[in-house]
Amino acid sequence: MSMPATSKTNAPAQDYFAIFGLPRKLWMERDALEQKYLQLSWKLHPDNFVNATEEERERSLRRSSELNDAYRTLEDPVARVEYLLSLENMRKEGEHKQQAPPELLEEVFELNESLDELREAKSAGSDLASLKSRLESAEKNFGEKLGEVDAQLQVTAREWDDALDRNADDVARRKIMGRLNELLNRRSYVRNLVVNVAKELGEA
């Protein structure tokens, strides 16, 4: 389960997991999901509604659009976690708390100082070599931290699935969802740092 990014809102009219006939689990076979998507897409293909009423055609188009949204969300492991939390009322749309995790405060402070120095050196036309190499190693460092968060997300996602399998109580489930929410916020924060450093380096 590799990790990109996206987000969804409060539960829509149709549960995306239910569209695919799946339990609300976070680990799924991507190939199996794609096969199911192709089967369902074919059933909703316009060619199958040539002689249908206008109302039936509109309904199939609506369902097809919903199916596409569901597939895009569930095929992306990070979007899948965000969507599950929104379904369970544990996360709102676009909720990415941009707050440095306490243990990263010092490194983030140093990174921001280096970025400020790079911007000043650029505008003054100074030599950027040493600053760039410092930022490149910071970019690598935070890239590794992003990988660690993704690994933790995978482990916690498995814990969620295990909790479903053993029919764990609401308290246990909410504890796991709280942890998933924390990890998503951390991921969003660290990912933004990596993107910002790469942007500054690209412009230097």
Protein backbone atom coordinates (compact mmCIF):
# COMPACT_ATOMS: atom_id res chain seq x y z
CA MET A 1 0.00 0.00 0.00
CA SER A 2 1.90 3.11 -1.23
CA MET A 3 0.82 6.57 -0.26
CA PRO A 4 -0.17 9.59 -2.40
CA ALA A 5 -2.91 12.31 -1.44
CA THR A 6 -6.61 13.67 -1.66
CA SER A 7 -9.70 14.26 0.58
CA LYS A 8 -13.50 13.81 0.82
CA THR A 9 -16.34 15.41 2.70
CA ASN A 10 -19.03 14.28 5.07
CA ALA A 11 -20.49 10.98 3.93
CA PRO A 12 -22.15 11.36 0.51
CA ALA A 13 -25.55 9.85 -0.30
CA GLN A 14 -23.83 6.63 -1.36
CA ASP A 15 -21.07 4.96 0.65
CA TYR A 16 -18.10 4.40 -1.72
CA PHE A 17 -17.22 1.10 -0.03
CA ALA A 18 -20.83 -0.07 -0.50
CA ILE A 19 -20.73 0.82 -4.22
CA PHE A 20 -18.02 -1.84 -4.61
CA GLY A 21 -19.69 -4.23 -2.16
CA LEU A 22 -16.74 -3.91 0.22
CA PRO A 23 -16.50 -3.68 4.02
CA ARG A 24 -15.01 -0.44 5.37
CA LYS A 25 -11.48 -1.84 5.38
CA LEU A 26 -8.36 0.10 4.54
CA TRP A 27 -6.29 -2.62 2.91
CA MET A 28 -7.50 -3.80 -0.48
CA GLU A 29 -6.08 -5.44 -3.58
CA ARG A 30 -5.74 -2.71 -6.19
CA ASP A 31 -6.12 -5.17 -9.10
CA ALA A 32 -9.31 -6.62 -7.60
CA LEU A 33 -10.71 -3.10 -7.11
CA GLU A 34 -9.89 -2.23 -10.72
CA GLN A 35 -11.57 -5.41 -12.02
CA LYS A 36 -14.71 -4.63 -10.03
CA TYR A 37 -14.63 -1.06 -11.32
CA LEU A 38 -14.41 -2.23 -14.94
CA GLN A 39 -17.33 -4.66 -14.44
CA LEU A 40 -19.53 -1.98 -12.86
CA SER A 41 -18.48 0.59 -15.51
CA TRP A 42 -19.55 -1.76 -18.28
CA LYS A 43 -23.00 -2.24 -16.72
CA LEU A 44 -23.44 1.55 -16.69
CA HIS A 45 -22.02 2.12 -20.19
CA PRO A 46 -24.28 4.33 -22.39
CA ASP A 47 -24.42 1.54 -25.04
CA ASN A 48 -26.50 -0.48 -22.58
CA PHE A 49 -29.09 2.32 -22.31
CA VAL A 50 -29.77 3.08 -25.98
CA ASN A 51 -33.42 2.06 -25.68
CA ALA A 52 -33.86 3.22 -22.08
CA THR A 53 -36.04 6.10 -20.94
CA GLU A 54 -34.53 9.55 -20.37
CA GLU A 55 -34.88 9.04 -16.62
CA GLU A 56 -33.01 5.71 -16.74
CA ARG A 57 -30.22 7.26 -18.83
CA GLU A 58 -29.84 10.13 -16.37
CA ARG A 59 -29.77 7.71 -13.46
CA SER A 60 -27.06 5.61 -15.13
CA LEU A 61 -24.97 8.74 -15.81
CA ARG A 62 -25.33 9.79 -12.18
CA ARG A 63 -24.34 6.33 -10.97
CA SER A 64 -21.42 6.26 -13.42
CA SER A 65 -20.13 9.60 -12.08
CA GLU A 66 -20.51 8.33 -8.51
CA LEU A 67 -18.66 5.13 -9.43
CA ASN A 68 -15.76 7.15 -10.89
CA ASP A 69 -15.54 9.27 -7.73
CA ALA A 70 -15.62 6.13 -5.58
CA TYR A 71 -12.86 4.45 -7.60
CA ARG A 72 -10.60 7.52 -7.56
CA THR A 73 -10.97 7.75 -3.79
CA LEU A 74 -10.59 4.07 -2.90
CA GLU A 75 -7.63 3.37 -5.22
CA ASP A 76 -5.55 6.03 -3.41
CA PRO A 77 -4.54 4.70 0.04
CA VAL A 78 -4.34 8.15 1.66
CA ALA A 79 -7.66 9.32 0.18
CA ARG A 80 -9.15 6.02 1.35
CA VAL A 81 -8.14 6.72 4.96
CA GLU A 82 -9.44 10.31 4.76
CA TYR A 83 -12.70 9.11 3.27
CA LEU A 84 -13.19 6.42 5.92
CA LEU A 85 -12.63 9.01 8.68
CA SER A 86 -15.14 11.38 7.06
CA LEU A 87 -17.69 8.53 6.87
CA GLU A 88 -17.13 7.86 10.57
CA ASN A 89 -17.45 11.59 11.36
CA MET A 90 -13.83 11.74 12.53
CA ARG A 91 -12.59 14.23 9.92
CA LYS A 92 -13.96 17.22 8.00
CA GLU A 93 -13.23 18.11 4.38
CA GLY A 94 -9.80 19.66 3.89
CA GLU A 95 -8.88 19.21 7.55
CA HIS A 96 -5.09 19.30 7.50
CA LYS A 97 -3.79 20.83 10.72
CA GLN A 98 -0.66 22.72 9.70
CA GLN A 99 1.10 22.49 13.04
CA ALA A 100 4.63 21.17 13.49
CA PRO A 101 4.75 17.92 15.48
CA PRO A 102 6.53 18.81 18.79
CA GLU A 103 9.52 16.50 18.17
CA LEU A 104 10.16 18.19 14.78
CA LEU A 105 10.01 21.80 16.04
CA GLU A 106 13.77 22.31 16.15
CA GLU A 107 14.38 20.80 12.70
CA VAL A 108 11.49 22.80 11.21
CA PHE A 109 12.88 26.01 12.77
CA GLU A 110 16.33 25.32 11.26
CA LEU A 111 14.77 24.49 7.89
CA ASN A 112 12.80 27.77 7.83
CA GLU A 113 15.97 29.69 8.72
CA SER A 114 17.82 28.01 5.84
CA LEU A 115 14.96 28.82 3.45
CA ASP A 116 15.03 32.49 4.54
CA GLU A 117 18.81 32.59 4.04
CA LEU A 118 18.46 31.06 0.57
CA ARG A 119 15.84 33.67 -0.45
CA GLU A 120 18.04 36.50 0.86
CA ALA A 121 21.13 35.10 -0.89
CA LYS A 122 19.17 34.77 -4.14
CA SER A 123 17.99 38.38 -4.06
CA ALA A 124 21.52 39.58 -3.13
CA GLY A 125 23.10 37.49 -5.90
CA SER A 126 25.33 35.67 -3.37
CA ASP A 127 26.83 32.19 -3.74
CA LEU A 128 24.11 29.59 -3.09
CA ALA A 129 26.18 26.38 -3.16
CA SER A 130 26.54 25.74 0.59
CA LEU A 131 22.93 26.78 1.31
CA LYS A 132 21.64 24.52 -1.45
CA SER A 133 23.54 21.51 -0.17
CA ARG A 134 22.20 22.16 3.36
CA LEU A 135 18.65 22.32 2.01
CA GLU A 136 19.14 19.23 -0.15
CA SER A 137 20.10 17.23 2.94
CA ALA A 138 17.06 18.70 4.80
CA GLU A 139 14.84 17.71 1.87
CA LYS A 140 16.22 14.16 2.03
CA ASN A 141 15.76 14.07 5.82
CA PHE A 142 12.10 15.17 5.65
CA GLY A 143 11.51 12.85 2.69
CA GLU A 144 12.61 9.97 4.92
CA LYS A 145 10.27 11.22 7.68
CA LEU A 146 7.42 11.20 5.15
CA GLY A 147 8.26 7.56 4.37
CA GLU A 148 8.15 6.78 8.11
CA VAL A 149 4.70 8.37 8.44
CA ASP A 150 3.46 6.35 5.45
CA ALA A 151 4.77 3.16 7.07
CA GLN A 152 2.97 4.06 10.34
CA LEU A 153 -0.21 4.75 8.37
CA GLN A 154 -0.01 1.27 6.84
CA VAL A 155 0.47 -0.37 10.24
CA THR A 156 -2.44 1.59 11.76
CA ALA A 157 -4.63 0.82 8.74
CA ARG A 158 -4.00 -2.89 9.38
CA GLU A 159 -4.95 -2.35 13.05
CA TRP A 160 -8.24 -0.85 11.86
CA ASP A 161 -8.95 -3.86 9.65
CA ASP A 162 -8.11 -6.24 12.50
CA ALA A 163 -10.47 -4.30 14.79
CA LEU A 164 -13.26 -4.77 12.22
CA ASP A 165 -12.49 -8.49 11.90
CA ARG A 166 -12.71 -9.06 15.63
CA ASN A 167 -15.74 -6.76 15.96
CA ALA A 168 -13.95 -4.44 18.40
CA ASP A 169 -16.02 -2.01 20.43
CA ASP A 170 -16.58 1.64 19.53
CA VAL A 171 -13.96 2.92 22.00
CA ALA A 172 -11.21 0.75 20.45
CA ARG A 173 -12.22 1.78 16.92
CA ARG A 174 -12.30 5.47 17.75
CA LYS A 175 -8.85 5.23 19.31
CA ILE A 176 -7.46 3.79 16.06
CA MET A 177 -9.29 6.44 14.00
CA GLY A 178 -7.85 9.17 16.23
CA ARG A 179 -4.38 7.80 15.51
CA LEU A 180 -5.10 7.69 11.77
CA ASN A 181 -6.26 11.30 11.92
CA GLU A 182 -3.05 12.35 13.72
CA LEU A 183 -0.93 10.56 11.13
CA LEU A 184 -2.79 12.21 8.24
CA ASN A 185 -2.17 15.65 9.76
CA ARG A 186 1.52 14.83 10.30
CA ARG A 187 1.78 13.50 6.73
CA SER A 188 0.20 16.64 5.30
CA TYR A 189 2.57 18.87 7.30
CA VAL A 190 5.76 16.97 6.41
CA ARG A 191 4.71 16.60 2.77
CA ASN A 192 4.22 20.39 2.52
CA LEU A 193 7.73 20.92 3.90
CA VAL A 194 9.20 18.59 1.28
CA VAL A 195 7.24 20.30 -1.52
CA ASN A 196 8.28 23.80 -0.34
CA VAL A 197 11.98 22.89 -0.12
CA ALA A 198 11.88 21.25 -3.58
CA LYS A 199 10.20 24.40 -4.98
CA GLU A 200 12.82 26.74 -3.48
CA LEU A 201 15.67 24.51 -4.69
CA GLY A 202 14.12 24.35 -8.16
CA GLU A 203 14.05 28.16 -8.33
CA ALA A 204 17.56 28.66 -6.86
